[in-house]
Amino acid sequence: MTDPAPLRLAVLLSGSGRTLDNLLERIAAGSLAARVEAVVASRGDVRGVRIAAAAAIPVTVLPPAGRPVDAWSDEIFAACRAARADLVVMAGFLHLVRIPADFAGRVINIHPALLPAFGGRGFHGMHVHRAVLARGCTVSGCTVHLVDDEYDHGQILLQQVVPVLPDDTAESLAARVFAAECHALPAAISRIAAVRLSASPGVAP
């Protein structure tokens, strides 16, 4: 029996592209059976776009400014359809989008906290880690979840817990959480690929 085709990914990003970098490294190492077919960026002047260009991945830049969210979302998912994406991965994508019916259950996000805590509008990046420390939490972590039409709201697929240490700063906690994200997101994608394979007609379990 031949190996299944790699999962085709479209990656949405708004910034440094660290998560895209991690996915490309895992794919190159053979530990993630996927292929990044397209990147959609909300800004053109970010490192994530340069990473995609260096890897010869087609990039579409779609700034949201001044656009109705429905029309903007339509353009994003048109690019994902054109890439024949099986799964759309939000990788540091800081915007709310409308999920069209044909992508329901096929868009995931990685969030740097243990949802439902520290999620929602405004909770991204260092804002999350500062809030965790201010609350006095003893653990934090990351969450991979399905995306719906609300911030950080969809079904939780996978979480990974990390300790919050007594001498943590927001920066040191962020580094520990990101290390967890680097494991959690590929693991979640692999699980989705396995479920998709088992659900495919004619594929032996």
N, C-alpha and C. Protein backbone atom coordinates (compact mmCIF):
# COMPACT_ATOMS: atom_id res chain seq x y z
N MET A 1 0.85 -1.20 0.00
CA MET A 1 0.00 0.00 0.00
C MET A 1 0.88 1.24 0.00
N THR A 2 0.56 2.18 -0.90
CA THR A 2 1.36 3.40 -0.98
C THR A 2 0.96 4.37 0.12
N ASP A 3 1.89 5.25 0.49
CA ASP A 3 1.59 6.25 1.49
C ASP A 3 0.55 7.23 0.96
N PRO A 4 -0.33 7.74 1.83
CA PRO A 4 -1.32 8.72 1.38
C PRO A 4 -0.64 10.01 0.95
N ALA A 5 -1.34 10.76 0.09
CA ALA A 5 -0.81 12.05 -0.34
C ALA A 5 -0.70 12.97 0.87
N PRO A 6 0.33 13.81 0.92
CA PRO A 6 0.44 14.77 2.04
C PRO A 6 -0.76 15.70 2.08
N LEU A 7 -1.13 16.09 3.29
CA LEU A 7 -2.21 17.05 3.49
C LEU A 7 -1.78 18.39 2.89
N ARG A 8 -2.65 18.97 2.10
CA ARG A 8 -2.37 20.25 1.45
C ARG A 8 -2.80 21.38 2.39
N LEU A 9 -1.87 22.25 2.76
CA LEU A 9 -2.13 23.32 3.72
C LEU A 9 -2.11 24.69 3.05
N ALA A 10 -3.00 25.56 3.50
CA ALA A 10 -2.89 26.99 3.26
C ALA A 10 -2.66 27.63 4.62
N VAL A 11 -1.66 28.49 4.71
CA VAL A 11 -1.28 29.11 5.98
C VAL A 11 -1.63 30.59 5.93
N LEU A 12 -2.36 31.05 6.95
CA LEU A 12 -2.69 32.47 7.09
C LEU A 12 -1.80 33.07 8.16
N LEU A 13 -1.18 34.21 7.87
CA LEU A 13 -0.28 34.82 8.84
C LEU A 13 -0.34 36.34 8.77
N SER A 14 0.15 36.95 9.88
CA SER A 14 0.16 38.41 9.97
C SER A 14 1.52 38.97 10.37
N GLY A 15 2.50 38.10 10.67
CA GLY A 15 3.72 38.62 11.25
C GLY A 15 4.97 37.83 10.92
N SER A 16 5.68 37.40 11.95
CA SER A 16 7.05 36.91 11.81
C SER A 16 7.17 35.57 11.09
N GLY A 17 6.09 34.81 11.04
CA GLY A 17 6.15 33.53 10.33
C GLY A 17 6.86 32.43 11.11
N ARG A 18 7.02 32.59 12.44
CA ARG A 18 7.72 31.54 13.21
C ARG A 18 6.99 30.21 13.11
N THR A 19 5.66 30.25 13.11
CA THR A 19 4.89 29.01 13.04
C THR A 19 5.02 28.39 11.65
N LEU A 20 5.00 29.21 10.62
CA LEU A 20 5.24 28.69 9.26
C LEU A 20 6.62 28.05 9.19
N ASP A 21 7.62 28.72 9.74
CA ASP A 21 8.97 28.17 9.79
C ASP A 21 8.98 26.79 10.41
N ASN A 22 8.31 26.65 11.55
CA ASN A 22 8.26 25.37 12.25
C ASN A 22 7.61 24.29 11.39
N LEU A 23 6.49 24.63 10.74
CA LEU A 23 5.82 23.64 9.89
C LEU A 23 6.73 23.20 8.75
N LEU A 24 7.41 24.15 8.11
CA LEU A 24 8.29 23.81 7.00
C LEU A 24 9.45 22.92 7.47
N GLU A 25 9.98 23.20 8.67
CA GLU A 25 11.04 22.37 9.21
C GLU A 25 10.56 20.94 9.47
N ARG A 26 9.36 20.81 10.03
CA ARG A 26 8.81 19.47 10.31
C ARG A 26 8.54 18.71 9.01
N ILE A 27 8.03 19.42 8.02
CA ILE A 27 7.77 18.78 6.73
C ILE A 27 9.09 18.32 6.10
N ALA A 28 10.11 19.17 6.12
CA ALA A 28 11.41 18.82 5.53
C ALA A 28 12.05 17.65 6.27
N ALA A 29 11.82 17.55 7.57
CA ALA A 29 12.39 16.46 8.36
C ALA A 29 11.63 15.15 8.19
N GLY A 30 10.49 15.20 7.53
CA GLY A 30 9.70 13.99 7.32
C GLY A 30 8.81 13.62 8.49
N SER A 31 8.66 14.52 9.47
CA SER A 31 7.84 14.21 10.64
C SER A 31 6.41 14.73 10.52
N LEU A 32 6.11 15.46 9.45
CA LEU A 32 4.76 15.96 9.20
C LEU A 32 4.44 15.71 7.74
N ALA A 33 3.43 14.88 7.50
CA ALA A 33 3.04 14.51 6.14
C ALA A 33 2.09 15.57 5.58
N ALA A 34 2.67 16.68 5.20
CA ALA A 34 1.88 17.80 4.69
C ALA A 34 2.72 18.59 3.71
N ARG A 35 2.06 19.51 3.02
CA ARG A 35 2.75 20.38 2.08
C ARG A 35 2.06 21.74 2.14
N VAL A 36 2.83 22.80 2.32
CA VAL A 36 2.25 24.15 2.34
C VAL A 36 2.12 24.61 0.89
N GLU A 37 0.87 24.74 0.45
CA GLU A 37 0.60 25.07 -0.95
C GLU A 37 0.41 26.56 -1.17
N ALA A 38 0.07 27.29 -0.10
CA ALA A 38 -0.20 28.73 -0.26
C ALA A 38 -0.06 29.41 1.09
N VAL A 39 0.34 30.67 1.04
CA VAL A 39 0.35 31.54 2.22
C VAL A 39 -0.50 32.76 1.88
N VAL A 40 -1.38 33.10 2.80
CA VAL A 40 -2.16 34.34 2.69
C VAL A 40 -1.76 35.23 3.86
N ALA A 41 -1.29 36.43 3.57
CA ALA A 41 -0.80 37.34 4.60
C ALA A 41 -1.67 38.59 4.65
N SER A 42 -1.91 39.08 5.86
CA SER A 42 -2.68 40.31 6.00
C SER A 42 -1.81 41.55 5.83
N ARG A 43 -0.48 41.34 5.79
CA ARG A 43 0.47 42.43 5.53
C ARG A 43 1.56 41.90 4.61
N GLY A 44 2.09 42.77 3.78
CA GLY A 44 3.13 42.36 2.86
C GLY A 44 4.54 42.59 3.36
N ASP A 45 4.68 43.39 4.44
CA ASP A 45 6.00 43.81 4.90
C ASP A 45 6.46 43.02 6.12
N VAL A 46 6.10 41.73 6.18
CA VAL A 46 6.41 40.93 7.36
C VAL A 46 7.34 39.77 6.99
N ARG A 47 8.05 39.27 7.99
CA ARG A 47 9.01 38.19 7.77
C ARG A 47 8.33 36.92 7.24
N GLY A 48 7.10 36.67 7.66
CA GLY A 48 6.41 35.48 7.18
C GLY A 48 6.30 35.43 5.67
N VAL A 49 6.09 36.57 5.05
CA VAL A 49 6.02 36.63 3.58
C VAL A 49 7.38 36.29 2.99
N ARG A 50 8.46 36.77 3.61
CA ARG A 50 9.80 36.48 3.10
C ARG A 50 10.13 35.00 3.26
N ILE A 51 9.70 34.39 4.34
CA ILE A 51 9.92 32.95 4.53
C ILE A 51 9.22 32.17 3.42
N ALA A 52 7.97 32.52 3.15
CA ALA A 52 7.23 31.83 2.10
C ALA A 52 7.89 32.01 0.74
N ALA A 53 8.32 33.23 0.44
CA ALA A 53 8.97 33.49 -0.85
C ALA A 53 10.26 32.68 -0.98
N ALA A 54 11.03 32.60 0.11
CA ALA A 54 12.28 31.84 0.06
C ALA A 54 12.03 30.36 -0.16
N ALA A 55 10.86 29.88 0.29
CA ALA A 55 10.51 28.47 0.11
C ALA A 55 9.72 28.23 -1.18
N ALA A 56 9.60 29.26 -2.01
CA ALA A 56 8.88 29.18 -3.28
C ALA A 56 7.41 28.81 -3.09
N ILE A 57 6.82 29.30 -2.01
CA ILE A 57 5.40 29.10 -1.75
C ILE A 57 4.64 30.31 -2.27
N PRO A 58 3.60 30.11 -3.07
CA PRO A 58 2.82 31.26 -3.55
C PRO A 58 2.23 32.06 -2.40
N VAL A 59 2.35 33.38 -2.47
CA VAL A 59 1.87 34.27 -1.41
C VAL A 59 0.81 35.21 -1.99
N THR A 60 -0.28 35.35 -1.26
CA THR A 60 -1.30 36.35 -1.57
C THR A 60 -1.36 37.32 -0.39
N VAL A 61 -1.19 38.60 -0.66
CA VAL A 61 -1.27 39.62 0.39
C VAL A 61 -2.62 40.31 0.29
N LEU A 62 -3.39 40.22 1.38
CA LEU A 62 -4.73 40.79 1.40
C LEU A 62 -4.92 41.62 2.66
N PRO A 63 -4.55 42.91 2.64
CA PRO A 63 -4.75 43.76 3.81
C PRO A 63 -6.25 43.93 4.09
N PRO A 64 -6.63 43.89 5.37
CA PRO A 64 -8.05 44.01 5.70
C PRO A 64 -8.56 45.44 5.77
N ALA A 65 -7.67 46.40 5.82
CA ALA A 65 -8.07 47.79 6.07
C ALA A 65 -9.10 48.27 5.06
N GLY A 66 -10.20 48.79 5.59
CA GLY A 66 -11.22 49.36 4.75
C GLY A 66 -12.09 48.37 4.01
N ARG A 67 -11.92 47.08 4.30
CA ARG A 67 -12.69 46.07 3.60
C ARG A 67 -13.79 45.52 4.50
N PRO A 68 -15.01 45.34 4.00
CA PRO A 68 -16.02 44.59 4.77
C PRO A 68 -15.50 43.18 5.04
N VAL A 69 -15.73 42.68 6.26
CA VAL A 69 -15.13 41.40 6.64
C VAL A 69 -15.61 40.26 5.74
N ASP A 70 -16.87 40.31 5.29
CA ASP A 70 -17.37 39.22 4.45
C ASP A 70 -16.64 39.19 3.11
N ALA A 71 -16.48 40.36 2.48
CA ALA A 71 -15.81 40.41 1.18
C ALA A 71 -14.34 40.02 1.33
N TRP A 72 -13.70 40.50 2.40
CA TRP A 72 -12.29 40.17 2.64
C TRP A 72 -12.12 38.67 2.87
N SER A 73 -13.01 38.09 3.67
CA SER A 73 -12.96 36.65 3.93
C SER A 73 -13.15 35.86 2.63
N ASP A 74 -14.05 36.33 1.77
CA ASP A 74 -14.26 35.64 0.49
C ASP A 74 -12.96 35.58 -0.31
N GLU A 75 -12.20 36.67 -0.31
CA GLU A 75 -10.93 36.68 -1.05
C GLU A 75 -9.91 35.72 -0.44
N ILE A 76 -9.86 35.70 0.88
CA ILE A 76 -8.94 34.78 1.56
C ILE A 76 -9.24 33.34 1.17
N PHE A 77 -10.51 32.95 1.25
CA PHE A 77 -10.83 31.55 1.00
C PHE A 77 -10.85 31.23 -0.49
N ALA A 78 -11.00 32.22 -1.34
CA ALA A 78 -10.81 31.99 -2.77
C ALA A 78 -9.36 31.58 -3.05
N ALA A 79 -8.41 32.23 -2.36
CA ALA A 79 -7.01 31.85 -2.52
C ALA A 79 -6.76 30.44 -1.98
N CYS A 80 -7.43 30.08 -0.89
CA CYS A 80 -7.28 28.73 -0.34
C CYS A 80 -7.87 27.68 -1.28
N ARG A 81 -9.00 28.00 -1.89
CA ARG A 81 -9.60 27.08 -2.87
C ARG A 81 -8.69 26.91 -4.07
N ALA A 82 -8.14 28.03 -4.54
CA ALA A 82 -7.26 27.95 -5.71
C ALA A 82 -6.06 27.04 -5.44
N ALA A 83 -5.62 27.01 -4.17
CA ALA A 83 -4.49 26.14 -3.79
C ALA A 83 -4.94 24.72 -3.51
N ARG A 84 -6.25 24.46 -3.61
CA ARG A 84 -6.83 23.13 -3.30
C ARG A 84 -6.43 22.68 -1.90
N ALA A 85 -6.52 23.61 -0.96
CA ALA A 85 -6.12 23.31 0.42
C ALA A 85 -7.10 22.34 1.07
N ASP A 86 -6.54 21.32 1.71
CA ASP A 86 -7.35 20.42 2.55
C ASP A 86 -7.63 21.06 3.90
N LEU A 87 -6.66 21.86 4.39
CA LEU A 87 -6.74 22.43 5.72
C LEU A 87 -6.15 23.83 5.69
N VAL A 88 -6.81 24.76 6.36
CA VAL A 88 -6.30 26.12 6.49
C VAL A 88 -5.79 26.30 7.92
N VAL A 89 -4.55 26.77 8.04
CA VAL A 89 -3.90 26.90 9.35
C VAL A 89 -3.66 28.38 9.62
N MET A 90 -4.29 28.90 10.69
CA MET A 90 -4.00 30.26 11.13
C MET A 90 -2.75 30.21 11.99
N ALA A 91 -1.71 30.90 11.54
CA ALA A 91 -0.40 30.83 12.19
C ALA A 91 0.04 32.25 12.54
N GLY A 92 -0.46 32.75 13.68
CA GLY A 92 -0.20 34.14 14.00
C GLY A 92 -1.01 35.08 13.13
N PHE A 93 -2.23 34.68 12.83
CA PHE A 93 -3.14 35.49 12.01
C PHE A 93 -4.07 36.22 12.97
N LEU A 94 -4.06 37.55 12.98
CA LEU A 94 -4.64 38.32 14.07
C LEU A 94 -6.01 38.90 13.75
N HIS A 95 -6.75 38.28 12.84
CA HIS A 95 -8.00 38.88 12.38
C HIS A 95 -9.14 37.88 12.42
N LEU A 96 -10.33 38.40 12.63
CA LEU A 96 -11.54 37.60 12.56
C LEU A 96 -11.96 37.45 11.10
N VAL A 97 -12.30 36.23 10.71
CA VAL A 97 -12.79 36.01 9.36
C VAL A 97 -14.11 35.25 9.44
N ARG A 98 -14.83 35.27 8.33
CA ARG A 98 -16.05 34.47 8.19
C ARG A 98 -15.68 33.17 7.49
N ILE A 99 -16.04 32.05 8.08
CA ILE A 99 -15.70 30.75 7.51
C ILE A 99 -16.81 30.32 6.55
N PRO A 100 -16.50 30.13 5.27
CA PRO A 100 -17.55 29.69 4.34
C PRO A 100 -17.91 28.23 4.58
N ALA A 101 -19.07 27.85 4.10
CA ALA A 101 -19.59 26.51 4.38
C ALA A 101 -18.64 25.40 3.94
N ASP A 102 -17.97 25.59 2.81
CA ASP A 102 -17.12 24.51 2.31
C ASP A 102 -15.81 24.38 3.10
N PHE A 103 -15.52 25.34 3.99
CA PHE A 103 -14.33 25.23 4.84
C PHE A 103 -14.69 25.00 6.31
N ALA A 104 -15.95 24.82 6.62
CA ALA A 104 -16.35 24.54 8.00
C ALA A 104 -15.66 23.26 8.47
N GLY A 105 -15.01 23.32 9.62
CA GLY A 105 -14.29 22.16 10.14
C GLY A 105 -12.94 21.93 9.50
N ARG A 106 -12.51 22.88 8.64
CA ARG A 106 -11.22 22.72 7.94
C ARG A 106 -10.31 23.92 8.15
N VAL A 107 -10.57 24.70 9.20
CA VAL A 107 -9.73 25.84 9.55
C VAL A 107 -9.34 25.70 11.01
N ILE A 108 -8.03 25.73 11.31
CA ILE A 108 -7.57 25.60 12.69
C ILE A 108 -6.69 26.79 13.06
N ASN A 109 -6.61 27.02 14.36
CA ASN A 109 -5.79 28.10 14.89
C ASN A 109 -4.97 27.58 16.06
N ILE A 110 -3.79 28.16 16.28
CA ILE A 110 -2.98 27.88 17.46
C ILE A 110 -3.01 29.13 18.33
N HIS A 111 -3.41 28.95 19.60
CA HIS A 111 -3.55 30.09 20.52
C HIS A 111 -2.61 29.89 21.70
N PRO A 112 -1.91 30.95 22.15
CA PRO A 112 -0.88 30.78 23.18
C PRO A 112 -1.41 30.83 24.62
N ALA A 113 -2.48 30.09 24.87
CA ALA A 113 -3.02 29.97 26.22
C ALA A 113 -3.93 28.74 26.24
N LEU A 114 -4.37 28.38 27.43
CA LEU A 114 -5.25 27.23 27.59
C LEU A 114 -6.70 27.71 27.53
N LEU A 115 -7.23 27.75 26.32
CA LEU A 115 -8.62 28.18 26.15
C LEU A 115 -9.56 27.26 26.95
N PRO A 116 -10.67 27.80 27.45
CA PRO A 116 -11.25 29.11 27.14
C PRO A 116 -10.66 30.28 27.93
N ALA A 117 -9.67 30.03 28.80
CA ALA A 117 -9.05 31.14 29.53
C ALA A 117 -8.17 31.96 28.59
N PHE A 118 -8.14 33.27 28.80
CA PHE A 118 -7.24 34.18 28.10
C PHE A 118 -7.40 34.10 26.58
N GLY A 119 -8.66 34.05 26.16
CA GLY A 119 -8.96 34.08 24.73
C GLY A 119 -9.92 35.20 24.41
N GLY A 120 -10.11 35.44 23.14
CA GLY A 120 -11.04 36.47 22.69
C GLY A 120 -10.31 37.68 22.12
N ARG A 121 -11.08 38.66 21.75
CA ARG A 121 -10.55 39.86 21.11
C ARG A 121 -9.50 40.52 22.01
N GLY A 122 -8.36 40.84 21.44
CA GLY A 122 -7.30 41.51 22.17
C GLY A 122 -6.32 40.58 22.85
N PHE A 123 -6.67 39.31 23.00
CA PHE A 123 -5.76 38.35 23.63
C PHE A 123 -4.91 37.67 22.56
N HIS A 124 -3.77 38.27 22.27
CA HIS A 124 -2.83 37.69 21.32
C HIS A 124 -1.43 38.08 21.76
N GLY A 125 -0.46 37.26 21.36
CA GLY A 125 0.94 37.57 21.62
C GLY A 125 1.23 37.84 23.08
N MET A 126 2.03 38.86 23.33
CA MET A 126 2.48 39.16 24.69
C MET A 126 1.34 39.59 25.60
N HIS A 127 0.24 40.09 25.04
CA HIS A 127 -0.92 40.45 25.88
C HIS A 127 -1.40 39.23 26.67
N VAL A 128 -1.38 38.07 26.03
CA VAL A 128 -1.82 36.84 26.70
C VAL A 128 -0.91 36.52 27.87
N HIS A 129 0.39 36.51 27.63
CA HIS A 129 1.33 36.09 28.67
C HIS A 129 1.36 37.06 29.84
N ARG A 130 1.23 38.35 29.56
CA ARG A 130 1.16 39.33 30.65
C ARG A 130 -0.09 39.09 31.50
N ALA A 131 -1.19 38.76 30.85
CA ALA A 131 -2.43 38.51 31.58
C ALA A 131 -2.33 37.25 32.44
N VAL A 132 -1.69 36.22 31.92
CA VAL A 132 -1.49 34.98 32.69
C VAL A 132 -0.68 35.27 33.95
N LEU A 133 0.41 36.04 33.80
CA LEU A 133 1.25 36.37 34.96
C LEU A 133 0.50 37.27 35.94
N ALA A 134 -0.26 38.21 35.44
CA ALA A 134 -0.99 39.12 36.32
C ALA A 134 -2.04 38.37 37.13
N ARG A 135 -2.60 37.31 36.57
CA ARG A 135 -3.61 36.52 37.28
C ARG A 135 -2.98 35.59 38.32
N GLY A 136 -1.66 35.37 38.22
CA GLY A 136 -1.00 34.48 39.17
C GLY A 136 -1.15 33.01 38.84
N CYS A 137 -1.37 32.70 37.57
CA CYS A 137 -1.54 31.29 37.17
C CYS A 137 -0.26 30.51 37.41
N THR A 138 -0.41 29.22 37.72
CA THR A 138 0.74 28.35 37.90
C THR A 138 1.01 27.49 36.67
N VAL A 139 0.07 27.46 35.73
CA VAL A 139 0.27 26.77 34.46
C VAL A 139 -0.27 27.65 33.34
N SER A 140 0.29 27.46 32.16
CA SER A 140 -0.25 28.04 30.93
C SER A 140 -0.08 26.99 29.85
N GLY A 141 -0.03 27.41 28.62
CA GLY A 141 0.14 26.43 27.55
C GLY A 141 -0.40 26.96 26.24
N CYS A 142 -0.79 26.04 25.37
CA CYS A 142 -1.31 26.43 24.05
C CYS A 142 -2.48 25.54 23.70
N THR A 143 -3.28 26.03 22.77
CA THR A 143 -4.49 25.33 22.33
C THR A 143 -4.57 25.36 20.81
N VAL A 144 -4.80 24.21 20.22
CA VAL A 144 -5.17 24.13 18.81
C VAL A 144 -6.67 23.90 18.75
N HIS A 145 -7.36 24.74 18.00
CA HIS A 145 -8.83 24.63 17.96
C HIS A 145 -9.34 24.90 16.56
N LEU A 146 -10.54 24.38 16.30
CA LEU A 146 -11.23 24.73 15.07
C LEU A 146 -11.64 26.19 15.13
N VAL A 147 -11.66 26.83 13.98
CA VAL A 147 -12.03 28.24 13.89
C VAL A 147 -13.48 28.36 13.44
N ASP A 148 -14.22 29.19 14.17
CA ASP A 148 -15.56 29.56 13.72
C ASP A 148 -15.61 31.08 13.57
N ASP A 149 -16.78 31.66 13.65
CA ASP A 149 -16.91 33.09 13.38
C ASP A 149 -16.74 33.96 14.62
N GLU A 150 -16.17 33.40 15.71
CA GLU A 150 -15.85 34.16 16.91
C GLU A 150 -14.38 33.96 17.24
N TYR A 151 -13.77 34.95 17.90
CA TYR A 151 -12.38 34.82 18.31
C TYR A 151 -12.20 33.66 19.29
N ASP A 152 -11.26 32.75 18.98
CA ASP A 152 -10.80 31.72 19.92
C ASP A 152 -11.95 30.92 20.52
N HIS A 153 -12.92 30.56 19.68
CA HIS A 153 -14.17 30.01 20.19
C HIS A 153 -14.42 28.56 19.78
N GLY A 154 -13.87 28.09 18.69
CA GLY A 154 -14.25 26.80 18.14
C GLY A 154 -13.79 25.62 18.98
N GLN A 155 -14.20 24.44 18.56
CA GLN A 155 -13.91 23.20 19.29
C GLN A 155 -12.42 23.02 19.53
N ILE A 156 -12.07 22.69 20.77
CA ILE A 156 -10.67 22.44 21.11
C ILE A 156 -10.25 21.07 20.59
N LEU A 157 -9.14 21.03 19.88
CA LEU A 157 -8.61 19.79 19.32
C LEU A 157 -7.46 19.22 20.14
N LEU A 158 -6.63 20.09 20.69
CA LEU A 158 -5.44 19.63 21.40
C LEU A 158 -4.92 20.77 22.27
N GLN A 159 -4.50 20.43 23.49
CA GLN A 159 -3.85 21.41 24.36
C GLN A 159 -2.57 20.83 24.92
N GLN A 160 -1.60 21.70 25.15
CA GLN A 160 -0.35 21.30 25.79
C GLN A 160 -0.06 22.28 26.92
N VAL A 161 0.21 21.74 28.10
CA VAL A 161 0.40 22.54 29.30
C VAL A 161 1.88 22.76 29.55
N VAL A 162 2.22 23.97 29.99
CA VAL A 162 3.58 24.28 30.44
C VAL A 162 3.49 24.94 31.82
N PRO A 163 4.53 24.80 32.65
CA PRO A 163 4.49 25.46 33.96
C PRO A 163 4.74 26.96 33.82
N VAL A 164 4.17 27.70 34.75
CA VAL A 164 4.55 29.10 34.93
C VAL A 164 5.48 29.15 36.14
N LEU A 165 6.70 29.60 35.94
CA LEU A 165 7.71 29.58 37.00
C LEU A 165 7.66 30.87 37.82
N PRO A 166 8.10 30.80 39.08
CA PRO A 166 8.00 31.98 39.96
C PRO A 166 8.73 33.21 39.42
N ASP A 167 9.82 33.00 38.70
CA ASP A 167 10.58 34.15 38.21
C ASP A 167 10.29 34.47 36.74
N ASP A 168 9.20 33.94 36.20
CA ASP A 168 8.90 34.18 34.79
C ASP A 168 8.61 35.65 34.51
N THR A 169 9.07 36.07 33.34
CA THR A 169 8.62 37.31 32.72
C THR A 169 7.68 36.92 31.58
N ALA A 170 7.02 37.89 31.02
CA ALA A 170 6.17 37.60 29.86
C ALA A 170 6.99 37.00 28.73
N GLU A 171 8.24 37.48 28.59
CA GLU A 171 9.10 36.98 27.51
C GLU A 171 9.52 35.53 27.74
N SER A 172 9.89 35.19 28.97
CA SER A 172 10.33 33.81 29.23
C SER A 172 9.16 32.85 29.13
N LEU A 173 7.98 33.27 29.61
CA LEU A 173 6.80 32.42 29.47
C LEU A 173 6.42 32.25 28.01
N ALA A 174 6.51 33.33 27.24
CA ALA A 174 6.20 33.25 25.81
C ALA A 174 7.10 32.24 25.11
N ALA A 175 8.37 32.22 25.45
CA ALA A 175 9.30 31.28 24.82
C ALA A 175 8.93 29.84 25.15
N ARG A 176 8.53 29.60 26.40
CA ARG A 176 8.16 28.23 26.80
C ARG A 176 6.87 27.79 26.11
N VAL A 177 5.92 28.71 26.01
CA VAL A 177 4.67 28.38 25.34
C VAL A 177 4.91 28.14 23.85
N PHE A 178 5.75 28.96 23.23
CA PHE A 178 5.99 28.76 21.80
C PHE A 178 6.66 27.41 21.53
N ALA A 179 7.56 26.99 22.43
CA ALA A 179 8.17 25.66 22.28
C ALA A 179 7.08 24.58 22.30
N ALA A 180 6.07 24.75 23.15
CA ALA A 180 4.96 23.81 23.17
C ALA A 180 4.15 23.87 21.88
N GLU A 181 3.93 25.08 21.38
CA GLU A 181 3.21 25.24 20.12
C GLU A 181 3.88 24.49 18.97
N CYS A 182 5.21 24.49 18.99
CA CYS A 182 5.97 23.84 17.91
C CYS A 182 5.72 22.34 17.86
N HIS A 183 5.32 21.76 18.99
CA HIS A 183 4.94 20.34 19.03
C HIS A 183 3.45 20.17 18.78
N ALA A 184 2.65 21.03 19.40
CA ALA A 184 1.21 20.83 19.41
C ALA A 184 0.58 20.99 18.03
N LEU A 185 0.97 22.01 17.28
CA LEU A 185 0.33 22.26 15.99
C LEU A 185 0.62 21.13 14.99
N PRO A 186 1.87 20.70 14.80
CA PRO A 186 2.09 19.56 13.91
C PRO A 186 1.36 18.30 14.37
N ALA A 187 1.29 18.09 15.69
CA ALA A 187 0.58 16.91 16.20
C ALA A 187 -0.90 16.97 15.85
N ALA A 188 -1.50 18.16 15.99
CA ALA A 188 -2.91 18.30 15.64
C ALA A 188 -3.14 18.09 14.15
N ILE A 189 -2.25 18.63 13.32
CA ILE A 189 -2.38 18.44 11.87
C ILE A 189 -2.25 16.96 11.52
N SER A 190 -1.34 16.27 12.16
CA SER A 190 -1.17 14.83 11.90
C SER A 190 -2.42 14.05 12.30
N ARG A 191 -3.05 14.44 13.40
CA ARG A 191 -4.29 13.77 13.81
C ARG A 191 -5.39 14.00 12.78
N ILE A 192 -5.49 15.23 12.30
CA ILE A 192 -6.50 15.55 11.28
C ILE A 192 -6.25 14.72 10.02
N ALA A 193 -4.98 14.61 9.63
CA ALA A 193 -4.64 13.81 8.45
C ALA A 193 -5.02 12.36 8.65
N ALA A 194 -4.80 11.82 9.86
CA ALA A 194 -5.12 10.43 10.14
C ALA A 194 -6.63 10.19 10.08
N VAL A 195 -7.40 11.12 10.63
CA VAL A 195 -8.85 11.00 10.58
C VAL A 195 -9.34 11.07 9.14
N ARG A 196 -8.77 11.99 8.39
CA ARG A 196 -9.15 12.13 6.97
C ARG A 196 -8.85 10.87 6.20
N LEU A 197 -7.69 10.26 6.47
CA LEU A 197 -7.32 9.03 5.78
C LEU A 197 -8.26 7.90 6.13
N SER A 198 -8.59 7.76 7.40
CA SER A 198 -9.46 6.66 7.82
C SER A 198 -10.87 6.81 7.28
N ALA A 199 -11.25 8.07 6.99
CA ALA A 199 -12.59 8.33 6.47
C ALA A 199 -12.66 8.22 4.96
N SER A 200 -11.50 8.07 4.29
CA SER A 200 -11.48 8.01 2.83
C SER A 200 -12.00 6.66 2.35
N PRO A 201 -12.88 6.64 1.35
CA PRO A 201 -13.39 5.37 0.83
C PRO A 201 -12.24 4.52 0.28
N GLY A 202 -12.33 3.23 0.57
CA GLY A 202 -11.38 2.29 -0.01
C GLY A 202 -10.05 2.25 0.69
N VAL A 203 -9.88 2.97 1.81
CA VAL A 203 -8.62 2.96 2.53
C VAL A 203 -8.72 1.98 3.69
N ALA A 204 -7.81 1.04 3.75
CA ALA A 204 -7.85 0.04 4.82
C ALA A 204 -7.45 0.71 6.13
N PRO A 205 -8.07 0.34 7.27
CA PRO A 205 -7.70 0.91 8.56
C PRO A 205 -6.33 0.46 8.99
